Amino acid sequence: IYTLHEQSASLASVANAKVSNGSFGCSVFTTGPGSTNALTGILGAWNDSIPCLFLSGQVRSNHVSYGKKIRQVGTQEAPICEIVKPIVKYSYFIKNPKNFQKDLEKAIFIACSGRPGPVWIDIPLDYQWLDIPFDPNFKFKFVSKKFQLNKIHKFEKMINEAKKPLLILGYGIRSSNTI
């Protein structure tokens, strides 16, 4: 779905993940300012523990400033992985196109496992031109959420002993698939 602006795309990804319980949102952005326009949606996904995959284009792999003591090499380049690092569970600049499938699977696994949240993958332009074959048996591997029975019994005991219990419940209840 073309959303006309990166901010609306990132917000739409978060909304899609919320309404399609058990899935994750995904958006694709261009490099530089296009990627930074997505920050509002990413922060929303981070704060609400919403699994989202954000993919950004980047300048050619030999024109990036990652690991260099300069501000910018390529036109419209931005070190987006470093910018989003505090508000994502994982950010990664694709260094080897042969590992793309493994890197993508890892990012989705991280986004959806444990406490869910957003992840960011940055893809250089020259890798976007490549025909990267995928394994036909490729499957996303998600961790099933298991209840910790001892914690449930402890909670039950606390509720039963409370004189005026007050529960403040957040989105984690819904995302845990317990209701």
C-alpha atoms as a PDB file:
ATOM      1  CA  ILE A   1       0.000   0.000   0.000  1.00  0.00           C
ATOM      2  CA  TYR A   2       1.488   3.317  -1.057  1.00  0.00           C
ATOM      3  CA  THR A   3       0.980   5.776   1.788  1.00  0.00           C
ATOM      4  CA  LEU A   4       2.499   8.916   0.187  1.00  0.00           C
ATOM      5  CA  HIS A   5       4.751   9.626   3.183  1.00  0.00           C
ATOM      6  CA  GLU A   6       7.158   7.657   5.335  1.00  0.00           C
ATOM      7  CA  GLN A   7       5.568   8.733   8.621  1.00  0.00           C
ATOM      8  CA  SER A   8       2.168   7.424   7.580  1.00  0.00           C
ATOM      9  CA  ALA A   9       3.795   4.204   6.319  1.00  0.00           C
ATOM     10  CA  SER A  10       5.452   3.553   9.674  1.00  0.00           C
ATOM     11  CA  LEU A  11       2.218   4.318  11.554  1.00  0.00           C
ATOM     12  CA  ALA A  12       0.262   2.050   9.191  1.00  0.00           C
ATOM     13  CA  SER A  13       2.704  -0.789   9.892  1.00  0.00           C
ATOM     14  CA  VAL A  14       2.149  -0.444  13.608  1.00  0.00           C
ATOM     15  CA  ALA A  15      -1.631  -0.326  13.163  1.00  0.00           C
ATOM     16  CA  ASN A  16      -1.568  -3.373  10.885  1.00  0.00           C
ATOM     17  CA  ALA A  17       0.417  -5.372  13.431  1.00  0.00           C
ATOM     18  CA  LYS A  18      -2.045  -4.389  16.161  1.00  0.00           C
ATOM     19  CA  VAL A  19      -5.140  -5.498  14.269  1.00  0.00           C
ATOM     20  CA  SER A  20      -3.639  -8.660  12.796  1.00  0.00           C
ATOM     21  CA  ASN A  21      -2.964 -10.301  16.129  1.00  0.00           C
ATOM     22  CA  GLY A  22      -0.059 -12.721  15.883  1.00  0.00           C
ATOM     23  CA  SER A  23       1.561 -11.069  12.880  1.00  0.00           C
ATOM     24  CA  PHE A  24       3.944  -8.155  12.411  1.00  0.00           C
ATOM     25  CA  GLY A  25       3.907  -4.908  10.460  1.00  0.00           C
ATOM     26  CA  CYS A  26       6.344  -4.073   7.693  1.00  0.00           C
ATOM     27  CA  SER A  27       7.309  -0.884   5.842  1.00  0.00           C
ATOM     28  CA  VAL A  28       9.940   0.045   3.271  1.00  0.00           C
ATOM     29  CA  PHE A  29      11.645   3.447   3.210  1.00  0.00           C
ATOM     30  CA  THR A  30      14.145   5.291   1.109  1.00  0.00           C
ATOM     31  CA  THR A  31      17.487   6.448   2.460  1.00  0.00           C
ATOM     32  CA  GLY A  32      18.307   9.609   4.387  1.00  0.00           C
ATOM     33  CA  PRO A  33      15.442  11.944   5.302  1.00  0.00           C
ATOM     34  CA  GLY A  34      12.953   9.362   4.031  1.00  0.00           C
ATOM     35  CA  SER A  35      14.090   6.974   6.737  1.00  0.00           C
ATOM     36  CA  THR A  36      14.139   9.580   9.481  1.00  0.00           C
ATOM     37  CA  ASN A  37      10.525  10.485   8.613  1.00  0.00           C
ATOM     38  CA  ALA A  38       9.577   7.026   9.920  1.00  0.00           C
ATOM     39  CA  LEU A  39      10.766   7.707  13.483  1.00  0.00           C
ATOM     40  CA  THR A  40       7.315   8.526  14.909  1.00  0.00           C
ATOM     41  CA  GLY A  41       5.923   5.118  13.961  1.00  0.00           C
ATOM     42  CA  ILE A  42       9.031   3.337  15.192  1.00  0.00           C
ATOM     43  CA  LEU A  43       8.800   5.012  18.574  1.00  0.00           C
ATOM     44  CA  GLY A  44       5.128   4.056  18.752  1.00  0.00           C
ATOM     45  CA  ALA A  45       6.007   0.422  18.012  1.00  0.00           C
ATOM     46  CA  TRP A  46       8.797   0.549  20.614  1.00  0.00           C
ATOM     47  CA  ASN A  47       6.611   2.069  23.344  1.00  0.00           C
ATOM     48  CA  ASP A  48       3.687  -0.290  22.666  1.00  0.00           C
ATOM     49  CA  SER A  49       5.828  -3.431  22.109  1.00  0.00           C
ATOM     50  CA  ILE A  50       4.525  -3.957  18.582  1.00  0.00           C
ATOM     51  CA  PRO A  51       6.522  -6.263  16.287  1.00  0.00           C
ATOM     52  CA  CYS A  52       7.403  -4.398  13.084  1.00  0.00           C
ATOM     53  CA  LEU A  53      10.027  -4.830  10.405  1.00  0.00           C
ATOM     54  CA  PHE A  54      11.313  -1.595   8.903  1.00  0.00           C
ATOM     55  CA  LEU A  55      13.440  -1.874   5.764  1.00  0.00           C
ATOM     56  CA  SER A  56      15.384   1.058   4.393  1.00  0.00           C
ATOM     57  CA  GLY A  57      17.267   1.592   1.216  1.00  0.00           C
ATOM     58  CA  GLN A  58      20.739   3.013   1.579  1.00  0.00           C
ATOM     59  CA  VAL A  59      23.401   4.397  -0.740  1.00  0.00           C
ATOM     60  CA  ARG A  60      25.799   1.950  -2.385  1.00  0.00           C
ATOM     61  CA  SER A  61      27.757  -0.226   0.033  1.00  0.00           C
ATOM     62  CA  ASN A  62      31.040   1.531  -0.813  1.00  0.00           C
ATOM     63  CA  HIS A  63      29.465   4.967  -0.167  1.00  0.00           C
ATOM     64  CA  VAL A  64      28.288   4.530   3.426  1.00  0.00           C
ATOM     65  CA  SER A  65      29.751   6.342   6.397  1.00  0.00           C
ATOM     66  CA  TYR A  66      29.212   3.478   8.883  1.00  0.00           C
ATOM     67  CA  GLY A  67      32.447   3.035  10.830  1.00  0.00           C
ATOM     68  CA  LYS A  68      34.053   6.129   9.311  1.00  0.00           C
ATOM     69  CA  LYS A  69      34.804   9.424  11.033  1.00  0.00           C
ATOM     70  CA  ILE A  70      32.909  11.484   8.487  1.00  0.00           C
ATOM     71  CA  ARG A  71      29.382  12.802   8.399  1.00  0.00           C
ATOM     72  CA  GLN A  72      28.306  11.600   4.968  1.00  0.00           C
ATOM     73  CA  VAL A  73      29.736   9.908   1.882  1.00  0.00           C
ATOM     74  CA  GLY A  74      26.780   9.174  -0.403  1.00  0.00           C
ATOM     75  CA  THR A  75      24.051  11.546  -1.525  1.00  0.00           C
ATOM     76  CA  GLN A  76      21.126  11.544   0.954  1.00  0.00           C
ATOM     77  CA  GLU A  77      22.957   9.068   3.170  1.00  0.00           C
ATOM     78  CA  ALA A  78      22.053   8.805   6.845  1.00  0.00           C
ATOM     79  CA  PRO A  79      23.390   6.348   9.438  1.00  0.00           C
ATOM     80  CA  ILE A  80      19.845   5.165  10.143  1.00  0.00           C
ATOM     81  CA  CYS A  81      20.874   2.055  12.092  1.00  0.00           C
ATOM     82  CA  GLU A  82      22.725   4.241  14.581  1.00  0.00           C
ATOM     83  CA  ILE A  83      19.866   6.766  14.700  1.00  0.00           C
ATOM     84  CA  VAL A  84      17.160   4.184  15.498  1.00  0.00           C
ATOM     85  CA  LYS A  85      19.281   1.983  17.789  1.00  0.00           C
ATOM     86  CA  PRO A  86      17.797   3.330  21.077  1.00  0.00           C
ATOM     87  CA  ILE A  87      14.202   2.643  19.948  1.00  0.00           C
ATOM     88  CA  VAL A  88      14.446  -0.736  18.205  1.00  0.00           C
ATOM     89  CA  LYS A  89      15.206  -4.219  19.453  1.00  0.00           C
ATOM     90  CA  TYR A  90      17.675  -4.743  16.614  1.00  0.00           C
ATOM     91  CA  SER A  91      19.139  -2.707  13.772  1.00  0.00           C
ATOM     92  CA  TYR A  92      21.417  -4.081  11.115  1.00  0.00           C
ATOM     93  CA  PHE A  93      23.160  -2.830   7.989  1.00  0.00           C
ATOM     94  CA  ILE A  94      23.338  -5.616   5.414  1.00  0.00           C
ATOM     95  CA  LYS A  95      27.042  -6.224   4.818  1.00  0.00           C
ATOM     96  CA  ASN A  96      26.842  -9.360   2.710  1.00  0.00           C
ATOM     97  CA  PRO A  97      23.956  -9.941   0.301  1.00  0.00           C
ATOM     98  CA  LYS A  98      24.517 -13.706   0.465  1.00  0.00           C
ATOM     99  CA  ASN A  99      23.378 -13.620   4.109  1.00  0.00           C
ATOM    100  CA  PHE A 100      20.245 -11.570   3.440  1.00  0.00           C
ATOM    101  CA  GLN A 101      17.799 -14.412   4.042  1.00  0.00           C
ATOM    102  CA  LYS A 102      19.447 -15.319   7.356  1.00  0.00           C
ATOM    103  CA  ASP A 103      19.628 -11.647   8.396  1.00  0.00           C
ATOM    104  CA  LEU A 104      15.956 -11.137   7.528  1.00  0.00           C
ATOM    105  CA  GLU A 105      14.911 -14.246   9.440  1.00  0.00           C
ATOM    106  CA  LYS A 106      16.933 -13.120  12.465  1.00  0.00           C
ATOM    107  CA  ALA A 107      15.328  -9.661  12.413  1.00  0.00           C
ATOM    108  CA  ILE A 108      11.798 -11.069  12.252  1.00  0.00           C
ATOM    109  CA  PHE A 109      12.582 -13.573  14.995  1.00  0.00           C
ATOM    110  CA  ILE A 110      13.856 -10.765  17.248  1.00  0.00           C
ATOM    111  CA  ALA A 111      10.843  -8.531  16.484  1.00  0.00           C
ATOM    112  CA  CYS A 112       8.347 -11.261  17.385  1.00  0.00           C
ATOM    113  CA  SER A 113      10.054 -13.062  20.257  1.00  0.00           C
ATOM    114  CA  GLY A 114      10.187 -12.183  23.937  1.00  0.00           C
ATOM    115  CA  ARG A 115       8.788  -8.721  24.401  1.00  0.00           C
ATOM    116  CA  PRO A 116       7.875  -7.778  20.816  1.00  0.00           C
ATOM    117  CA  GLY A 117       9.117  -4.600  19.193  1.00  0.00           C
ATOM    118  CA  PRO A 118      10.422  -2.969  16.037  1.00  0.00           C
ATOM    119  CA  VAL A 119      13.554  -3.946  14.117  1.00  0.00           C
ATOM    120  CA  TRP A 120      15.365  -2.113  11.320  1.00  0.00           C
ATOM    121  CA  ILE A 121      17.275  -3.522   8.330  1.00  0.00           C
ATOM    122  CA  ASP A 122      19.302  -1.141   6.115  1.00  0.00           C
ATOM    123  CA  ILE A 123      19.958  -2.390   2.553  1.00  0.00           C
ATOM    124  CA  PRO A 124      22.596  -0.789   0.283  1.00  0.00           C
ATOM    125  CA  LEU A 125      21.459   0.208  -3.199  1.00  0.00           C
ATOM    126  CA  ASP A 126      23.896  -2.079  -5.023  1.00  0.00           C
ATOM    127  CA  TYR A 127      22.488  -5.072  -3.121  1.00  0.00           C
ATOM    128  CA  GLN A 128      18.950  -4.093  -4.083  1.00  0.00           C
ATOM    129  CA  TRP A 129      19.898  -4.600  -7.726  1.00  0.00           C
ATOM    130  CA  LEU A 130      20.968  -8.206  -7.130  1.00  0.00           C
ATOM    131  CA  ASP A 131      18.887 -11.280  -7.747  1.00  0.00           C
ATOM    132  CA  ILE A 132      19.248 -12.980  -4.379  1.00  0.00           C
ATOM    133  CA  PRO A 133      17.823 -16.508  -4.414  1.00  0.00           C
ATOM    134  CA  PHE A 134      15.766 -17.636  -1.452  1.00  0.00           C
ATOM    135  CA  ASP A 135      15.692 -21.170  -0.135  1.00  0.00           C
ATOM    136  CA  PRO A 136      12.292 -22.610  -1.157  1.00  0.00           C
ATOM    137  CA  ASN A 137      12.043 -24.274   2.264  1.00  0.00           C
ATOM    138  CA  PHE A 138      12.557 -20.952   4.033  1.00  0.00           C
ATOM    139  CA  LYS A 139      10.280 -20.618   7.071  1.00  0.00           C
ATOM    140  CA  PHE A 140      10.105 -17.908   9.655  1.00  0.00           C
ATOM    141  CA  LYS A 141      10.779 -19.379  13.061  1.00  0.00           C
ATOM    142  CA  PHE A 142       8.792 -17.824  15.846  1.00  0.00           C
ATOM    143  CA  VAL A 143       9.051 -18.622  19.512  1.00  0.00           C
ATOM    144  CA  SER A 144       5.816 -19.805  21.038  1.00  0.00           C
ATOM    145  CA  LYS A 145       4.893 -17.944  24.185  1.00  0.00           C
ATOM    146  CA  LYS A 146       4.800 -20.278  27.161  1.00  0.00           C
ATOM    147  CA  PHE A 147       3.108 -19.484  30.403  1.00  0.00           C
ATOM    148  CA  GLN A 148       5.059 -19.630  33.612  1.00  0.00           C
ATOM    149  CA  LEU A 149       2.616 -21.441  35.859  1.00  0.00           C
ATOM    150  CA  ASN A 150       4.383 -20.420  39.065  1.00  0.00           C
ATOM    151  CA  LYS A 151       3.905 -16.726  38.199  1.00  0.00           C
ATOM    152  CA  ILE A 152       0.231 -17.289  37.455  1.00  0.00           C
ATOM    153  CA  HIS A 153      -0.267 -18.982  40.850  1.00  0.00           C
ATOM    154  CA  LYS A 154       1.587 -16.162  42.612  1.00  0.00           C
ATOM    155  CA  PHE A 155      -0.602 -13.571  40.858  1.00  0.00           C
ATOM    156  CA  GLU A 156      -3.751 -15.545  41.733  1.00  0.00           C
ATOM    157  CA  LYS A 157      -2.722 -15.648  45.396  1.00  0.00           C
ATOM    158  CA  MET A 158      -2.022 -11.902  45.466  1.00  0.00           C
ATOM    159  CA  ILE A 159      -5.424 -11.105  43.905  1.00  0.00           C
ATOM    160  CA  ASN A 160      -7.253 -13.384  46.332  1.00  0.00           C
ATOM    161  CA  GLU A 161      -5.502 -11.801  49.328  1.00  0.00           C
ATOM    162  CA  ALA A 162      -5.947  -8.185  48.166  1.00  0.00           C
ATOM    163  CA  LYS A 163      -8.571  -6.055  49.908  1.00  0.00           C
ATOM    164  CA  LYS A 164      -9.014  -3.550  47.049  1.00  0.00           C
ATOM    165  CA  PRO A 165      -7.251  -4.905  43.977  1.00  0.00           C
ATOM    166  CA  LEU A 166      -6.555  -2.508  41.131  1.00  0.00           C
ATOM    167  CA  LEU A 167      -5.320  -3.768  37.782  1.00  0.00           C
ATOM    168  CA  ILE A 168      -3.830  -1.474  35.162  1.00  0.00           C
ATOM    169  CA  LEU A 169      -3.493  -3.562  32.034  1.00  0.00           C
ATOM    170  CA  GLY A 170      -1.808  -2.585  28.794  1.00  0.00           C
ATOM    171  CA  TYR A 171      -1.514  -3.845  25.264  1.00  0.00           C
ATOM    172  CA  GLY A 172       0.752  -6.664  26.433  1.00  0.00           C
ATOM    173  CA  ILE A 173      -2.352  -8.576  27.496  1.00  0.00           C
ATOM    174  CA  ARG A 174      -3.661  -8.616  23.929  1.00  0.00           C
ATOM    175  CA  SER A 175      -0.282  -9.257  22.300  1.00  0.00           C
ATOM    176  CA  SER A 176       0.295 -12.225  24.605  1.00  0.00           C
ATOM    177  CA  ASN A 177      -2.738 -13.985  23.045  1.00  0.00           C
ATOM    178  CA  THR A 178      -4.151 -14.706  26.493  1.00  0.00           C
ATOM    179  CA  ILE A 179      -7.558 -13.136  25.925  1.00  0.00           C
END
